[in-house]
Amino acid sequence: MTGRPADQAVDDVTRWLGMRLPASGVTELDVRPALFNPAGLVSGPVTMALIDYAMATALWAHVTEDEDIATTNISVNYLRSAREGRIRATATMDRRTARAASLRAEVLHEDGTLMATAVGTFAIFARRGH
């Protein structure tokens, strides 16, 4: 993410979702019909993507150039969904060791409604070629 302007997509997934990454540990997007499930609500995988990227960016701030990360587990409690507006995930790192990190996240609607909570673990390993 080094050298990437804040608030821009980092890959094709974030680009298609319309996800913005305005700060370390923060992701957001504007709700639109392409992101709805058959019930007309934001699909669970969209919320999960916000959480995963928020957690990853929170952890990226704590790894070296010689390290890479990978999601190993995320447990999500879906509480509410949305039909409109902006949703934002905020993640924080609780603990980091040499090989793993534990993080937590919340997803809020712009009106303050708590949409989801999550806890996750990430593997930390040597970057290939280093």
C-alpha atoms as a PDB file:
ATOM      1  CA  MET A   1       0.000   0.000   0.000  1.00  0.00           C
ATOM      2  CA  THR A   2       3.011   2.263   0.174  1.00  0.00           C
ATOM      3  CA  GLY A   3       2.764   5.071  -2.345  1.00  0.00           C
ATOM      4  CA  ARG A   4      -0.968   4.519  -2.890  1.00  0.00           C
ATOM      5  CA  PRO A   5      -3.049   7.650  -2.482  1.00  0.00           C
ATOM      6  CA  ALA A   6      -5.320   7.285   0.541  1.00  0.00           C
ATOM      7  CA  ASP A   7      -8.943   6.621  -0.230  1.00  0.00           C
ATOM      8  CA  GLN A   8      -8.328   4.597  -3.427  1.00  0.00           C
ATOM      9  CA  ALA A   9      -9.052   0.993  -4.253  1.00  0.00           C
ATOM     10  CA  VAL A  10      -6.064  -1.335  -3.923  1.00  0.00           C
ATOM     11  CA  ASP A  11      -7.156  -4.129  -6.268  1.00  0.00           C
ATOM     12  CA  ASP A  12      -9.957  -5.211  -8.590  1.00  0.00           C
ATOM     13  CA  VAL A  13     -12.121  -6.449  -5.695  1.00  0.00           C
ATOM     14  CA  THR A  14     -12.037  -3.147  -3.831  1.00  0.00           C
ATOM     15  CA  ARG A  15     -12.482  -1.281  -7.100  1.00  0.00           C
ATOM     16  CA  TRP A  16     -15.618  -3.266  -8.053  1.00  0.00           C
ATOM     17  CA  LEU A  17     -17.084  -2.918  -4.573  1.00  0.00           C
ATOM     18  CA  GLY A  18     -16.412   0.821  -4.639  1.00  0.00           C
ATOM     19  CA  MET A  19     -14.468   0.413  -1.401  1.00  0.00           C
ATOM     20  CA  ARG A  20     -12.373   3.269  -0.123  1.00  0.00           C
ATOM     21  CA  LEU A  21      -9.499   2.902   2.344  1.00  0.00           C
ATOM     22  CA  PRO A  22      -9.229   6.375   3.883  1.00  0.00           C
ATOM     23  CA  ALA A  23      -6.937   5.382   6.758  1.00  0.00           C
ATOM     24  CA  SER A  24      -5.135   2.442   8.286  1.00  0.00           C
ATOM     25  CA  GLY A  25      -7.752   0.075   9.690  1.00  0.00           C
ATOM     26  CA  VAL A  26     -10.665   1.835   7.980  1.00  0.00           C
ATOM     27  CA  THR A  27     -12.684   0.851   4.922  1.00  0.00           C
ATOM     28  CA  GLU A  28     -15.943   2.282   3.634  1.00  0.00           C
ATOM     29  CA  LEU A  29     -18.315   2.169   0.719  1.00  0.00           C
ATOM     30  CA  ASP A  30     -21.540   3.686  -0.491  1.00  0.00           C
ATOM     31  CA  VAL A  31     -24.416   1.223  -0.649  1.00  0.00           C
ATOM     32  CA  ARG A  32     -25.721   0.556  -4.163  1.00  0.00           C
ATOM     33  CA  PRO A  33     -28.099  -2.052  -5.642  1.00  0.00           C
ATOM     34  CA  ALA A  34     -25.275  -4.101  -7.218  1.00  0.00           C
ATOM     35  CA  LEU A  35     -24.223  -5.016  -3.651  1.00  0.00           C
ATOM     36  CA  PHE A  36     -27.671  -6.295  -2.582  1.00  0.00           C
ATOM     37  CA  ASN A  37     -28.750  -9.831  -1.824  1.00  0.00           C
ATOM     38  CA  PRO A  38     -32.173 -11.068  -3.067  1.00  0.00           C
ATOM     39  CA  ALA A  39     -33.852  -9.406  -0.048  1.00  0.00           C
ATOM     40  CA  GLY A  40     -32.633  -5.982  -1.212  1.00  0.00           C
ATOM     41  CA  LEU A  41     -30.070  -5.587   1.580  1.00  0.00           C
ATOM     42  CA  VAL A  42     -26.277  -5.310   1.511  1.00  0.00           C
ATOM     43  CA  SER A  43     -25.009  -8.850   1.009  1.00  0.00           C
ATOM     44  CA  GLY A  44     -23.067 -10.493   3.845  1.00  0.00           C
ATOM     45  CA  PRO A  45     -19.944 -11.057   1.703  1.00  0.00           C
ATOM     46  CA  VAL A  46     -19.761  -7.290   1.076  1.00  0.00           C
ATOM     47  CA  THR A  47     -19.690  -6.647   4.813  1.00  0.00           C
ATOM     48  CA  MET A  48     -17.119  -9.425   5.212  1.00  0.00           C
ATOM     49  CA  ALA A  49     -14.902  -7.830   2.554  1.00  0.00           C
ATOM     50  CA  LEU A  50     -15.022  -4.483   4.385  1.00  0.00           C
ATOM     51  CA  ILE A  51     -13.961  -6.248   7.577  1.00  0.00           C
ATOM     52  CA  ASP A  52     -11.176  -8.280   5.965  1.00  0.00           C
ATOM     53  CA  TYR A  53      -9.605  -5.275   4.245  1.00  0.00           C
ATOM     54  CA  ALA A  54      -9.973  -3.091   7.360  1.00  0.00           C
ATOM     55  CA  MET A  55      -8.207  -5.716   9.446  1.00  0.00           C
ATOM     56  CA  ALA A  56      -5.488  -6.172   6.831  1.00  0.00           C
ATOM     57  CA  THR A  57      -4.782  -2.454   6.606  1.00  0.00           C
ATOM     58  CA  ALA A  58      -4.669  -2.193  10.400  1.00  0.00           C
ATOM     59  CA  LEU A  59      -2.073  -4.969  10.431  1.00  0.00           C
ATOM     60  CA  TRP A  60      -0.056  -3.618   7.461  1.00  0.00           C
ATOM     61  CA  ALA A  61       0.924  -0.707   9.673  1.00  0.00           C
ATOM     62  CA  HIS A  62       2.712  -3.209  11.958  1.00  0.00           C
ATOM     63  CA  VAL A  63       4.655  -5.375   9.502  1.00  0.00           C
ATOM     64  CA  THR A  64       8.034  -4.833   7.891  1.00  0.00           C
ATOM     65  CA  GLU A  65       8.938  -4.793   4.203  1.00  0.00           C
ATOM     66  CA  ASP A  66      10.189  -8.369   4.649  1.00  0.00           C
ATOM     67  CA  GLU A  67       6.822  -9.657   5.908  1.00  0.00           C
ATOM     68  CA  ASP A  68       3.553 -10.604   4.265  1.00  0.00           C
ATOM     69  CA  ILE A  69       0.195 -11.396   5.838  1.00  0.00           C
ATOM     70  CA  ALA A  70      -2.745 -13.677   5.131  1.00  0.00           C
ATOM     71  CA  THR A  71      -6.155 -13.970   6.711  1.00  0.00           C
ATOM     72  CA  THR A  72      -6.485 -17.255   8.580  1.00  0.00           C
ATOM     73  CA  ASN A  73      -9.854 -16.784  10.282  1.00  0.00           C
ATOM     74  CA  ILE A  74     -12.551 -14.163  10.718  1.00  0.00           C
ATOM     75  CA  SER A  75     -15.693 -14.657  12.778  1.00  0.00           C
ATOM     76  CA  VAL A  76     -18.475 -12.179  12.036  1.00  0.00           C
ATOM     77  CA  ASN A  77     -21.633 -11.399  13.980  1.00  0.00           C
ATOM     78  CA  TYR A  78     -24.084  -9.853  11.514  1.00  0.00           C
ATOM     79  CA  LEU A  79     -26.492  -7.617  13.432  1.00  0.00           C
ATOM     80  CA  ARG A  80     -28.174  -5.444  10.807  1.00  0.00           C
ATOM     81  CA  SER A  81     -27.894  -4.648   7.121  1.00  0.00           C
ATOM     82  CA  ALA A  82     -28.565  -1.582   4.979  1.00  0.00           C
ATOM     83  CA  ARG A  83     -30.437  -0.510   1.848  1.00  0.00           C
ATOM     84  CA  GLU A  84     -28.805   2.884   1.404  1.00  0.00           C
ATOM     85  CA  GLY A  85     -26.139   5.217   2.738  1.00  0.00           C
ATOM     86  CA  ARG A  86     -22.492   4.698   3.601  1.00  0.00           C
ATOM     87  CA  ILE A  87     -21.078   1.872   5.684  1.00  0.00           C
ATOM     88  CA  ARG A  88     -17.674   1.847   7.371  1.00  0.00           C
ATOM     89  CA  ALA A  89     -15.532  -0.839   8.980  1.00  0.00           C
ATOM     90  CA  THR A  90     -12.971   0.092  11.595  1.00  0.00           C
ATOM     91  CA  ALA A  91     -10.406  -2.448  12.799  1.00  0.00           C
ATOM     92  CA  THR A  92      -7.790  -2.480  15.526  1.00  0.00           C
ATOM     93  CA  MET A  93      -5.008  -4.891  16.296  1.00  0.00           C
ATOM     94  CA  ASP A  94      -5.231  -6.479  19.741  1.00  0.00           C
ATOM     95  CA  ARG A  95      -2.005  -8.489  19.646  1.00  0.00           C
ATOM     96  CA  ARG A  96       0.838  -9.282  17.306  1.00  0.00           C
ATOM     97  CA  THR A  97       3.473 -11.991  17.668  1.00  0.00           C
ATOM     98  CA  ALA A  98       6.233 -12.971  15.251  1.00  0.00           C
ATOM     99  CA  ARG A  99       3.884 -15.247  13.288  1.00  0.00           C
ATOM    100  CA  ALA A 100       0.307 -14.133  13.963  1.00  0.00           C
ATOM    101  CA  ALA A 101      -1.942 -11.220  14.855  1.00  0.00           C
ATOM    102  CA  SER A 102      -5.379 -10.918  16.453  1.00  0.00           C
ATOM    103  CA  LEU A 103      -7.693  -8.103  15.409  1.00  0.00           C
ATOM    104  CA  ARG A 104     -11.254  -6.916  15.955  1.00  0.00           C
ATOM    105  CA  ALA A 105     -13.597  -4.789  13.884  1.00  0.00           C
ATOM    106  CA  GLU A 106     -16.962  -3.080  13.846  1.00  0.00           C
ATOM    107  CA  VAL A 107     -19.091  -2.103  10.881  1.00  0.00           C
ATOM    108  CA  LEU A 108     -21.281   0.963  11.317  1.00  0.00           C
ATOM    109  CA  HIS A 109     -23.868   2.574   9.072  1.00  0.00           C
ATOM    110  CA  GLU A 110     -23.468   6.321   8.641  1.00  0.00           C
ATOM    111  CA  ASP A 111     -26.484   6.792  10.948  1.00  0.00           C
ATOM    112  CA  GLY A 112     -24.548   5.093  13.767  1.00  0.00           C
ATOM    113  CA  THR A 113     -26.308   1.728  13.579  1.00  0.00           C
ATOM    114  CA  LEU A 114     -23.975  -1.147  14.480  1.00  0.00           C
ATOM    115  CA  MET A 115     -24.175  -3.587  11.559  1.00  0.00           C
ATOM    116  CA  ALA A 116     -21.556  -6.188  12.485  1.00  0.00           C
ATOM    117  CA  THR A 117     -18.761  -7.083  14.869  1.00  0.00           C
ATOM    118  CA  ALA A 118     -15.849  -9.385  14.115  1.00  0.00           C
ATOM    119  CA  VAL A 119     -12.682 -10.941  15.453  1.00  0.00           C
ATOM    120  CA  GLY A 120      -9.952 -12.272  13.211  1.00  0.00           C
ATOM    121  CA  THR A 121      -6.509 -13.792  13.037  1.00  0.00           C
ATOM    122  CA  PHE A 122      -3.851 -13.270  10.402  1.00  0.00           C
ATOM    123  CA  ALA A 123      -0.690 -15.220   9.671  1.00  0.00           C
ATOM    124  CA  ILE A 124       2.557 -13.247   9.386  1.00  0.00           C
ATOM    125  CA  PHE A 125       5.343 -14.794   7.319  1.00  0.00           C
ATOM    126  CA  ALA A 126       8.498 -13.966   5.371  1.00  0.00           C
ATOM    127  CA  ARG A 127       7.873 -12.324   2.028  1.00  0.00           C
ATOM    128  CA  ARG A 128       8.913 -14.494  -0.898  1.00  0.00           C
ATOM    129  CA  GLY A 129      12.346 -13.651  -2.216  1.00  0.00           C
ATOM    130  CA  HIS A 130      13.552 -12.306   1.150  1.00  0.00           C
END
